[in-house]
Amino acid sequence: MTDTDTAAPATTAPKPAAKRSEAGDTWRFLLKLALVVLIFRSFVFSPFSIPSESMLPRLLIGDYLFISKWNYGYSRWSLPFGFPPIPGRLFGRTPTPGDTVVFRGPPANDHDVIKRVIGIPGDTIQMRGGQLILNGKPVPKVAQPDFIVPVTPNFSCDGQFQSVAQNGQTVCHFPQFRETLPNGKSYNVLDLGQTIVDDTEVYTVPAGHVFLMGDNRDNSEDSRFSQAAGGFGYVPMENIEGKAVVGFFSTDGSANWFLPWTWFSAARWHRIGMGF
C-alpha cells in the first residue's frame, strides 16, 4: 500500500458560536445595573424626600436630598427595606449633636423619618418655657426675622400665620429663632407659641440611643413623645440610615406629570445644592 492509498483523516468543522439573544443581554445588563444601584444606595448615598413640615424652616415639603450612608456605620436599615435583618452596627460611630439624620421609625411607625440629633448617650434634655435645656444648661435661643414661605399646592398654614406679600402672593410667616449647641452647631427653629411640649420632663438618653427633635418644635412628633403617644422615644443608633448632606431638587407641588413644562416651573431652583 502506498502513501497515496492511505485515507486522509476526516476533519471536524468547528461548531459555530452560540448566538446570544438581545433579550438575554438586556436582562443581564439590567441585573448588573440593579446590583450597582443597590450597592450605591446601601453604602454610599441614597435619596430622601421631605413629606412633612416637622423640619421647617430648614426643610420644606417637596425638598429632595441625598443622605450619606457611611457616617455612623452600617446596620440592617442601611439596606432597602431592612433586609436581611442584621443585628447591631458595623463600623458604628456616634452622631454629632446638631446633625440632621434619616432613621427608621419604630414598628408602629414603620417608615423613614428625618430629624435633628439633640442628645447622645448620657445627655439630659428638657424643654422649659419653650427653651431647650441640655445637660442642665439653657441652649442659647436668639430671635431672628420671621421665616416667610409662600403658600403653594404642597404647603399651607393657619390663618394666624398667613398674610399677603407686597407682590400679592399669599405667604406664611412664622416666629423664628437661632439655637446654638455647646459644640458650636447652630440652626434655626420655629416656635409657634405656647404648647404642651414647651415644658417637659427631664429625659436621660440611654446607651446605644439618640434623642431627636424636629426644628419645627411645636409641630413635630419626635423623641419628646413615647411610641405610645405617637412619637419615637429614644431612637436606637442601629435605626439611623444616614446623614443629610445636600439637596438635589425641590418642587412646590404645582407640577403636572402630563405637562412636562410644569416640571420646570414648579421647581424651587434656589434650594438645589443647599447643604447641611
C-alpha atoms as a PDB file:
ATOM      1  CA  MET A   1       0.000   0.000   0.000  1.00  0.00           C
ATOM      2  CA  THR A   2       1.381   3.332  -0.991  1.00  0.00           C
ATOM      3  CA  ASP A   3       1.065   6.601   0.785  1.00  0.00           C
ATOM      4  CA  THR A   4      -1.457   7.672  -1.770  1.00  0.00           C
ATOM      5  CA  ASP A   5      -3.596   4.683  -0.806  1.00  0.00           C
ATOM      6  CA  THR A   6      -3.870   5.833   2.858  1.00  0.00           C
ATOM      7  CA  ALA A   7      -7.165   7.644   3.563  1.00  0.00           C
ATOM      8  CA  ALA A   8      -6.729  11.143   4.971  1.00  0.00           C
ATOM      9  CA  PRO A   9      -8.196  11.592   8.450  1.00  0.00           C
ATOM     10  CA  ALA A  10     -11.565  13.297   8.487  1.00  0.00           C
ATOM     11  CA  THR A  11     -11.584  16.860   9.849  1.00  0.00           C
ATOM     12  CA  THR A  12     -14.405  18.115  12.022  1.00  0.00           C
ATOM     13  CA  ALA A  13     -15.752  21.530  11.158  1.00  0.00           C
ATOM     14  CA  PRO A  14     -15.759  23.919  14.157  1.00  0.00           C
ATOM     15  CA  LYS A  15     -19.147  24.479  15.693  1.00  0.00           C
ATOM     16  CA  PRO A  16     -20.494  27.989  15.220  1.00  0.00           C
ATOM     17  CA  ALA A  17     -20.562  30.090  18.395  1.00  0.00           C
ATOM     18  CA  ALA A  18     -23.935  30.152  20.054  1.00  0.00           C
ATOM     19  CA  LYS A  19     -25.752  33.343  19.370  1.00  0.00           C
ATOM     20  CA  ARG A  20     -26.534  35.500  22.428  1.00  0.00           C
ATOM     21  CA  SER A  21     -30.047  36.804  22.333  1.00  0.00           C
ATOM     22  CA  GLU A  22     -30.611  40.531  22.610  1.00  0.00           C
ATOM     23  CA  ALA A  23     -33.251  39.880  25.281  1.00  0.00           C
ATOM     24  CA  GLY A  24     -30.747  37.939  27.371  1.00  0.00           C
ATOM     25  CA  ASP A  25     -28.142  40.681  27.064  1.00  0.00           C
ATOM     26  CA  THR A  26     -30.719  43.245  28.131  1.00  0.00           C
ATOM     27  CA  TRP A  27     -31.702  41.252  31.218  1.00  0.00           C
ATOM     28  CA  ARG A  28     -28.071  40.718  32.192  1.00  0.00           C
ATOM     29  CA  PHE A  29     -27.421  44.449  31.873  1.00  0.00           C
ATOM     30  CA  LEU A  30     -30.484  45.310  33.969  1.00  0.00           C
ATOM     31  CA  LEU A  31     -29.467  42.852  36.678  1.00  0.00           C
ATOM     32  CA  LYS A  32     -25.950  44.319  36.826  1.00  0.00           C
ATOM     33  CA  LEU A  33     -27.381  47.840  36.927  1.00  0.00           C
ATOM     34  CA  ALA A  34     -29.769  46.890  39.745  1.00  0.00           C
ATOM     35  CA  LEU A  35     -26.861  45.412  41.708  1.00  0.00           C
ATOM     36  CA  VAL A  36     -24.778  48.580  41.270  1.00  0.00           C
ATOM     37  CA  VAL A  37     -27.716  50.764  42.353  1.00  0.00           C
ATOM     38  CA  LEU A  38     -28.365  48.531  45.372  1.00  0.00           C
ATOM     39  CA  ILE A  39     -24.733  48.743  46.491  1.00  0.00           C
ATOM     40  CA  PHE A  40     -24.618  52.516  45.910  1.00  0.00           C
ATOM     41  CA  ARG A  41     -27.871  53.150  47.825  1.00  0.00           C
ATOM     42  CA  SER A  42     -26.869  50.844  50.662  1.00  0.00           C
ATOM     43  CA  PHE A  43     -23.298  52.015  51.270  1.00  0.00           C
ATOM     44  CA  VAL A  44     -22.717  55.413  49.620  1.00  0.00           C
ATOM     45  CA  PHE A  45     -25.694  57.748  49.022  1.00  0.00           C
ATOM     46  CA  SER A  46     -29.456  57.383  48.872  1.00  0.00           C
ATOM     47  CA  PRO A  47     -32.236  59.887  48.099  1.00  0.00           C
ATOM     48  CA  PHE A  48     -34.884  61.079  50.541  1.00  0.00           C
ATOM     49  CA  SER A  49     -37.925  63.318  50.036  1.00  0.00           C
ATOM     50  CA  ILE A  50     -39.442  65.584  52.687  1.00  0.00           C
ATOM     51  CA  PRO A  51     -43.072  64.636  53.397  1.00  0.00           C
ATOM     52  CA  SER A  52     -43.956  66.936  56.324  1.00  0.00           C
ATOM     53  CA  GLU A  53     -43.392  70.316  57.999  1.00  0.00           C
ATOM     54  CA  SER A  54     -41.550  68.951  61.046  1.00  0.00           C
ATOM     55  CA  MET A  55     -38.125  70.223  59.904  1.00  0.00           C
ATOM     56  CA  LEU A  56     -39.151  73.781  58.998  1.00  0.00           C
ATOM     57  CA  PRO A  57     -37.508  76.191  58.472  1.00  0.00           C
ATOM     58  CA  ARG A  58     -34.584  74.194  57.066  1.00  0.00           C
ATOM     59  CA  LEU A  59     -36.604  71.700  55.019  1.00  0.00           C
ATOM     60  CA  LEU A  60     -39.802  72.229  53.055  1.00  0.00           C
ATOM     61  CA  ILE A  61     -42.324  69.691  51.824  1.00  0.00           C
ATOM     62  CA  GLY A  62     -41.192  68.787  48.308  1.00  0.00           C
ATOM     63  CA  ASP A  63     -37.445  69.017  49.009  1.00  0.00           C
ATOM     64  CA  TYR A  64     -35.325  66.113  47.790  1.00  0.00           C
ATOM     65  CA  LEU A  65     -31.935  65.440  49.295  1.00  0.00           C
ATOM     66  CA  PHE A  66     -29.114  62.928  49.440  1.00  0.00           C
ATOM     67  CA  ILE A  67     -28.095  61.204  52.645  1.00  0.00           C
ATOM     68  CA  SER A  68     -24.616  59.725  53.105  1.00  0.00           C
ATOM     69  CA  LYS A  69     -24.628  56.170  54.412  1.00  0.00           C
ATOM     70  CA  TRP A  70     -21.168  55.735  55.951  1.00  0.00           C
ATOM     71  CA  ASN A  71     -21.106  58.392  58.692  1.00  0.00           C
ATOM     72  CA  TYR A  72     -22.492  56.302  61.546  1.00  0.00           C
ATOM     73  CA  GLY A  73     -21.741  52.773  60.359  1.00  0.00           C
ATOM     74  CA  TYR A  74     -23.953  50.189  58.697  1.00  0.00           C
ATOM     75  CA  SER A  75     -26.895  48.206  60.023  1.00  0.00           C
ATOM     76  CA  ARG A  76     -29.910  46.358  58.632  1.00  0.00           C
ATOM     77  CA  TRP A  77     -31.543  49.716  57.855  1.00  0.00           C
ATOM     78  CA  SER A  78     -28.663  50.677  55.608  1.00  0.00           C
ATOM     79  CA  LEU A  79     -30.187  48.180  53.180  1.00  0.00           C
ATOM     80  CA  PRO A  80     -33.510  48.770  51.400  1.00  0.00           C
ATOM     81  CA  PHE A  81     -36.463  47.514  53.462  1.00  0.00           C
ATOM     82  CA  GLY A  82     -34.108  46.466  56.279  1.00  0.00           C
ATOM     83  CA  PHE A  83     -33.421  43.054  54.748  1.00  0.00           C
ATOM     84  CA  PRO A  84     -31.655  40.909  55.768  1.00  0.00           C
ATOM     85  CA  PRO A  85     -32.223  41.658  59.499  1.00  0.00           C
ATOM     86  CA  ILE A  86     -28.580  42.015  60.559  1.00  0.00           C
ATOM     87  CA  PRO A  87     -28.243  42.784  64.301  1.00  0.00           C
ATOM     88  CA  GLY A  88     -26.240  45.770  65.582  1.00  0.00           C
ATOM     89  CA  ARG A  89     -23.964  48.049  63.541  1.00  0.00           C
ATOM     90  CA  LEU A  90     -20.751  47.596  61.593  1.00  0.00           C
ATOM     91  CA  PHE A  91     -18.150  50.393  61.940  1.00  0.00           C
ATOM     92  CA  GLY A  92     -20.599  52.166  64.261  1.00  0.00           C
ATOM     93  CA  ARG A  93     -19.957  55.782  65.256  1.00  0.00           C
ATOM     94  CA  THR A  94     -21.956  58.125  67.477  1.00  0.00           C
ATOM     95  CA  PRO A  95     -23.697  61.011  65.660  1.00  0.00           C
ATOM     96  CA  THR A  96     -22.664  64.563  66.462  1.00  0.00           C
ATOM     97  CA  PRO A  97     -25.322  66.716  68.172  1.00  0.00           C
ATOM     98  CA  GLY A  98     -26.797  69.031  65.567  1.00  0.00           C
ATOM     99  CA  ASP A  99     -26.563  66.511  62.712  1.00  0.00           C
ATOM    100  CA  THR A 100     -29.664  66.040  60.585  1.00  0.00           C
ATOM    101  CA  VAL A 101     -30.279  62.305  60.185  1.00  0.00           C
ATOM    102  CA  VAL A 102     -32.689  59.935  58.482  1.00  0.00           C
ATOM    103  CA  PHE A 103     -33.747  56.924  60.546  1.00  0.00           C
ATOM    104  CA  ARG A 104     -36.230  54.094  60.518  1.00  0.00           C
ATOM    105  CA  GLY A 105     -39.150  54.669  62.835  1.00  0.00           C
ATOM    106  CA  PRO A 106     -40.226  52.001  65.348  1.00  0.00           C
ATOM    107  CA  PRO A 107     -42.537  49.161  64.277  1.00  0.00           C
ATOM    108  CA  ALA A 108     -45.655  51.206  64.985  1.00  0.00           C
ATOM    109  CA  ASN A 109     -44.323  53.962  62.645  1.00  0.00           C
ATOM    110  CA  ASP A 110     -42.514  51.726  60.164  1.00  0.00           C
ATOM    111  CA  HIS A 111     -41.222  54.361  57.747  1.00  0.00           C
ATOM    112  CA  ASP A 112     -38.227  56.628  57.177  1.00  0.00           C
ATOM    113  CA  VAL A 113     -38.119  59.862  59.190  1.00  0.00           C
ATOM    114  CA  ILE A 114     -35.777  62.880  59.289  1.00  0.00           C
ATOM    115  CA  LYS A 115     -34.938  64.787  62.497  1.00  0.00           C
ATOM    116  CA  ARG A 116     -32.054  66.588  64.209  1.00  0.00           C
ATOM    117  CA  VAL A 117     -29.787  64.946  66.789  1.00  0.00           C
ATOM    118  CA  ILE A 118     -30.078  66.830  70.091  1.00  0.00           C
ATOM    119  CA  GLY A 119     -28.771  64.347  72.637  1.00  0.00           C
ATOM    120  CA  ILE A 120     -26.390  61.371  72.662  1.00  0.00           C
ATOM    121  CA  PRO A 121     -25.933  58.672  75.345  1.00  0.00           C
ATOM    122  CA  GLY A 122     -25.654  60.166  78.828  1.00  0.00           C
ATOM    123  CA  ASP A 123     -27.120  63.563  77.893  1.00  0.00           C
ATOM    124  CA  THR A 124     -30.120  65.020  79.692  1.00  0.00           C
ATOM    125  CA  ILE A 125     -32.699  67.011  77.723  1.00  0.00           C
ATOM    126  CA  GLN A 126     -35.652  69.093  78.835  1.00  0.00           C
ATOM    127  CA  MET A 127     -37.893  71.772  77.355  1.00  0.00           C
ATOM    128  CA  ARG A 128     -38.597  74.554  79.833  1.00  0.00           C
ATOM    129  CA  GLY A 129     -40.744  77.527  78.803  1.00  0.00           C
ATOM    130  CA  GLY A 130     -40.048  76.724  75.146  1.00  0.00           C
ATOM    131  CA  GLN A 131     -36.267  76.716  75.663  1.00  0.00           C
ATOM    132  CA  LEU A 132     -34.057  73.689  75.204  1.00  0.00           C
ATOM    133  CA  ILE A 133     -32.136  72.681  78.324  1.00  0.00           C
ATOM    134  CA  LEU A 134     -29.174  70.403  77.540  1.00  0.00           C
ATOM    135  CA  ASN A 135     -27.291  68.796  80.411  1.00  0.00           C
ATOM    136  CA  GLY A 136     -28.794  71.301  82.810  1.00  0.00           C
ATOM    137  CA  LYS A 137     -27.798  74.404  80.818  1.00  0.00           C
ATOM    138  CA  PRO A 138     -30.085  76.519  78.601  1.00  0.00           C
ATOM    139  CA  VAL A 139     -29.168  76.369  74.922  1.00  0.00           C
ATOM    140  CA  PRO A 140     -28.907  79.946  73.581  1.00  0.00           C
ATOM    141  CA  LYS A 141     -32.044  80.877  71.637  1.00  0.00           C
ATOM    142  CA  VAL A 142     -31.844  84.181  69.746  1.00  0.00           C
ATOM    143  CA  ALA A 143     -34.816  85.732  67.939  1.00  0.00           C
ATOM    144  CA  GLN A 144     -34.484  86.054  64.154  1.00  0.00           C
ATOM    145  CA  PRO A 145     -36.650  87.713  61.493  1.00  0.00           C
ATOM    146  CA  ASP A 146     -39.829  85.745  60.798  1.00  0.00           C
ATOM    147  CA  PHE A 147     -39.472  82.778  58.476  1.00  0.00           C
ATOM    148  CA  ILE A 148     -41.563  83.561  55.394  1.00  0.00           C
ATOM    149  CA  VAL A 149     -42.577  80.901  52.882  1.00  0.00           C
ATOM    150  CA  PRO A 150     -45.126  81.131  50.024  1.00  0.00           C
ATOM    151  CA  VAL A 151     -48.392  79.194  50.158  1.00  0.00           C
ATOM    152  CA  THR A 152     -48.142  76.547  47.438  1.00  0.00           C
ATOM    153  CA  PRO A 153     -50.043  73.389  46.442  1.00  0.00           C
ATOM    154  CA  ASN A 154     -47.938  71.344  48.868  1.00  0.00           C
ATOM    155  CA  PHE A 155     -47.749  73.873  51.700  1.00  0.00           C
ATOM    156  CA  SER A 156     -50.273  75.974  53.623  1.00  0.00           C
ATOM    157  CA  CYS A 157     -50.675  77.419  57.122  1.00  0.00           C
ATOM    158  CA  ASP A 158     -53.295  78.519  59.628  1.00  0.00           C
ATOM    159  CA  GLY A 159     -54.843  81.948  59.248  1.00  0.00           C
ATOM    160  CA  GLN A 160     -52.975  83.418  62.209  1.00  0.00           C
ATOM    161  CA  PHE A 161     -49.674  82.921  60.384  1.00  0.00           C
ATOM    162  CA  GLN A 162     -50.928  83.848  56.929  1.00  0.00           C
ATOM    163  CA  SER A 163     -50.655  87.199  55.165  1.00  0.00           C
ATOM    164  CA  VAL A 164     -50.390  88.729  51.703  1.00  0.00           C
ATOM    165  CA  ALA A 165     -46.990  89.929  50.492  1.00  0.00           C
ATOM    166  CA  GLN A 166     -46.443  93.165  48.545  1.00  0.00           C
ATOM    167  CA  ASN A 167     -46.423  91.216  45.289  1.00  0.00           C
ATOM    168  CA  GLY A 168     -49.906  89.884  46.069  1.00  0.00           C
ATOM    169  CA  GLN A 169     -48.744  86.368  46.894  1.00  0.00           C
ATOM    170  CA  THR A 170     -50.149  84.630  49.970  1.00  0.00           C
ATOM    171  CA  VAL A 171     -47.367  83.697  52.386  1.00  0.00           C
ATOM    172  CA  CYS A 172     -46.888  82.119  55.796  1.00  0.00           C
ATOM    173  CA  HIS A 173     -44.715  83.829  58.364  1.00  0.00           C
ATOM    174  CA  PHE A 174     -43.522  82.024  61.485  1.00  0.00           C
ATOM    175  CA  PRO A 175     -41.586  83.186  64.572  1.00  0.00           C
ATOM    176  CA  GLN A 176     -38.001  82.010  64.099  1.00  0.00           C
ATOM    177  CA  PHE A 177     -35.076  81.598  66.489  1.00  0.00           C
ATOM    178  CA  ARG A 178     -31.408  80.610  66.289  1.00  0.00           C
ATOM    179  CA  GLU A 179     -30.194  77.855  68.601  1.00  0.00           C
ATOM    180  CA  THR A 180     -26.512  77.114  69.187  1.00  0.00           C
ATOM    181  CA  LEU A 181     -25.460  73.855  70.818  1.00  0.00           C
ATOM    182  CA  PRO A 182     -22.416  73.644  73.136  1.00  0.00           C
ATOM    183  CA  ASN A 183     -20.337  72.168  70.266  1.00  0.00           C
ATOM    184  CA  GLY A 184     -20.973  75.327  68.184  1.00  0.00           C
ATOM    185  CA  LYS A 185     -23.542  73.826  65.831  1.00  0.00           C
ATOM    186  CA  SER A 186     -26.210  76.443  65.004  1.00  0.00           C
ATOM    187  CA  TYR A 187     -29.547  76.085  63.259  1.00  0.00           C
ATOM    188  CA  ASN A 188     -32.905  77.860  63.123  1.00  0.00           C
ATOM    189  CA  VAL A 189     -36.060  76.607  64.810  1.00  0.00           C
ATOM    190  CA  LEU A 190     -39.694  77.687  64.800  1.00  0.00           C
ATOM    191  CA  ASP A 191     -41.635  78.476  67.969  1.00  0.00           C
ATOM    192  CA  LEU A 192     -45.331  78.931  67.207  1.00  0.00           C
ATOM    193  CA  GLY A 193     -46.403  79.767  70.742  1.00  0.00           C
ATOM    194  CA  GLN A 194     -47.216  78.000  73.997  1.00  0.00           C
ATOM    195  CA  THR A 195     -47.866  74.263  73.531  1.00  0.00           C
ATOM    196  CA  ILE A 196     -47.745  71.108  75.648  1.00  0.00           C
ATOM    197  CA  VAL A 197     -44.180  70.365  74.511  1.00  0.00           C
ATOM    198  CA  ASP A 198     -42.794  73.700  75.722  1.00  0.00           C
ATOM    199  CA  ASP A 199     -42.464  72.192  79.209  1.00  0.00           C
ATOM    200  CA  THR A 200     -41.418  68.567  79.549  1.00  0.00           C
ATOM    201  CA  GLU A 201     -39.880  66.105  81.944  1.00  0.00           C
ATOM    202  CA  VAL A 202     -36.122  65.551  82.018  1.00  0.00           C
ATOM    203  CA  TYR A 203     -35.043  62.889  79.525  1.00  0.00           C
ATOM    204  CA  THR A 204     -31.809  60.930  80.006  1.00  0.00           C
ATOM    205  CA  VAL A 205     -30.527  59.313  76.825  1.00  0.00           C
ATOM    206  CA  PRO A 206     -29.657  55.624  77.377  1.00  0.00           C
ATOM    207  CA  ALA A 207     -26.642  53.837  75.907  1.00  0.00           C
ATOM    208  CA  GLY A 208     -26.903  52.964  72.233  1.00  0.00           C
ATOM    209  CA  HIS A 209     -29.613  55.583  71.576  1.00  0.00           C
ATOM    210  CA  VAL A 210     -30.013  59.206  70.489  1.00  0.00           C
ATOM    211  CA  PHE A 211     -32.570  61.909  71.264  1.00  0.00           C
ATOM    212  CA  LEU A 212     -34.004  63.503  68.104  1.00  0.00           C
ATOM    213  CA  MET A 213     -36.173  66.582  67.625  1.00  0.00           C
ATOM    214  CA  GLY A 214     -37.748  68.424  64.715  1.00  0.00           C
ATOM    215  CA  ASP A 215     -36.785  72.052  64.104  1.00  0.00           C
ATOM    216  CA  ASN A 216     -40.480  72.940  63.904  1.00  0.00           C
ATOM    217  CA  ARG A 217     -40.688  72.464  67.649  1.00  0.00           C
ATOM    218  CA  ASP A 218     -44.451  72.785  68.035  1.00  0.00           C
ATOM    219  CA  ASN A 219     -45.293  70.576  65.058  1.00  0.00           C
ATOM    220  CA  SER A 220     -43.025  67.550  65.305  1.00  0.00           C
ATOM    221  CA  GLU A 221     -43.553  64.039  66.630  1.00  0.00           C
ATOM    222  CA  ASP A 222     -40.115  63.093  67.933  1.00  0.00           C
ATOM    223  CA  SER A 223     -38.213  61.812  70.979  1.00  0.00           C
ATOM    224  CA  ARG A 224     -40.191  64.056  73.313  1.00  0.00           C
ATOM    225  CA  PHE A 225     -43.134  61.685  72.774  1.00  0.00           C
ATOM    226  CA  SER A 226     -43.180  57.998  73.605  1.00  0.00           C
ATOM    227  CA  GLN A 227     -44.142  55.477  70.959  1.00  0.00           C
ATOM    228  CA  ALA A 228     -47.468  55.030  72.749  1.00  0.00           C
ATOM    229  CA  ALA A 229     -48.092  58.771  72.359  1.00  0.00           C
ATOM    230  CA  GLY A 230     -47.316  58.717  68.625  1.00  0.00           C
ATOM    231  CA  GLY A 231     -43.665  59.718  68.829  1.00  0.00           C
ATOM    232  CA  PHE A 232     -40.398  57.771  68.642  1.00  0.00           C
ATOM    233  CA  GLY A 233     -38.924  57.974  72.113  1.00  0.00           C
ATOM    234  CA  TYR A 234     -35.208  57.301  72.258  1.00  0.00           C
ATOM    235  CA  VAL A 235     -34.062  56.102  68.833  1.00  0.00           C
ATOM    236  CA  PRO A 236     -31.633  53.132  68.639  1.00  0.00           C
ATOM    237  CA  MET A 237     -28.468  54.031  66.739  1.00  0.00           C
ATOM    238  CA  GLU A 238     -28.849  50.985  64.507  1.00  0.00           C
ATOM    239  CA  ASN A 239     -32.061  52.571  63.174  1.00  0.00           C
ATOM    240  CA  ILE A 240     -30.113  55.520  61.746  1.00  0.00           C
ATOM    241  CA  GLU A 241     -29.722  55.187  57.987  1.00  0.00           C
ATOM    242  CA  GLY A 242     -27.528  58.174  57.205  1.00  0.00           C
ATOM    243  CA  LYS A 243     -26.765  61.883  57.429  1.00  0.00           C
ATOM    244  CA  ALA A 244     -28.412  64.578  55.299  1.00  0.00           C
ATOM    245  CA  VAL A 245     -25.735  66.175  53.122  1.00  0.00           C
ATOM    246  CA  VAL A 246     -27.178  68.142  50.182  1.00  0.00           C
ATOM    247  CA  GLY A 247     -30.456  68.975  48.466  1.00  0.00           C
ATOM    248  CA  PHE A 248     -30.644  67.984  44.806  1.00  0.00           C
ATOM    249  CA  PHE A 249     -34.198  69.064  43.869  1.00  0.00           C
ATOM    250  CA  SER A 250     -37.234  70.877  45.249  1.00  0.00           C
ATOM    251  CA  THR A 251     -40.768  71.355  43.970  1.00  0.00           C
ATOM    252  CA  ASP A 252     -43.712  73.452  45.158  1.00  0.00           C
ATOM    253  CA  GLY A 253     -46.173  70.711  44.178  1.00  0.00           C
ATOM    254  CA  SER A 254     -47.734  72.514  41.211  1.00  0.00           C
ATOM    255  CA  ALA A 255     -46.279  70.233  38.515  1.00  0.00           C
ATOM    256  CA  ASN A 256     -48.488  68.030  36.352  1.00  0.00           C
ATOM    257  CA  TRP A 257     -46.961  64.782  35.112  1.00  0.00           C
ATOM    258  CA  PHE A 258     -48.782  65.189  31.791  1.00  0.00           C
ATOM    259  CA  LEU A 259     -47.487  68.751  31.266  1.00  0.00           C
ATOM    260  CA  PRO A 260     -43.677  68.458  31.112  1.00  0.00           C
ATOM    261  CA  TRP A 261     -43.058  72.229  31.092  1.00  0.00           C
ATOM    262  CA  THR A 262     -44.612  72.456  34.576  1.00  0.00           C
ATOM    263  CA  TRP A 263     -41.812  70.249  35.905  1.00  0.00           C
ATOM    264  CA  PHE A 264     -39.529  73.259  35.442  1.00  0.00           C
ATOM    265  CA  SER A 265     -41.922  75.990  36.549  1.00  0.00           C
ATOM    266  CA  ALA A 266     -42.682  74.083  39.779  1.00  0.00           C
ATOM    267  CA  ALA A 267     -39.014  73.670  40.690  1.00  0.00           C
ATOM    268  CA  ARG A 268     -37.607  75.772  43.530  1.00  0.00           C
ATOM    269  CA  TRP A 269     -34.220  76.183  41.891  1.00  0.00           C
ATOM    270  CA  HIS A 270     -32.730  78.302  44.684  1.00  0.00           C
ATOM    271  CA  ARG A 271     -32.986  75.347  47.096  1.00  0.00           C
ATOM    272  CA  ILE A 272     -30.954  72.973  44.939  1.00  0.00           C
ATOM    273  CA  GLY A 273     -27.435  72.437  46.276  1.00  0.00           C
ATOM    274  CA  MET A 274     -28.233  73.602  49.817  1.00  0.00           C
ATOM    275  CA  GLY A 275     -26.020  71.746  52.271  1.00  0.00           C
ATOM    276  CA  PHE A 276     -26.334  70.768  55.901  1.00  0.00           C
END
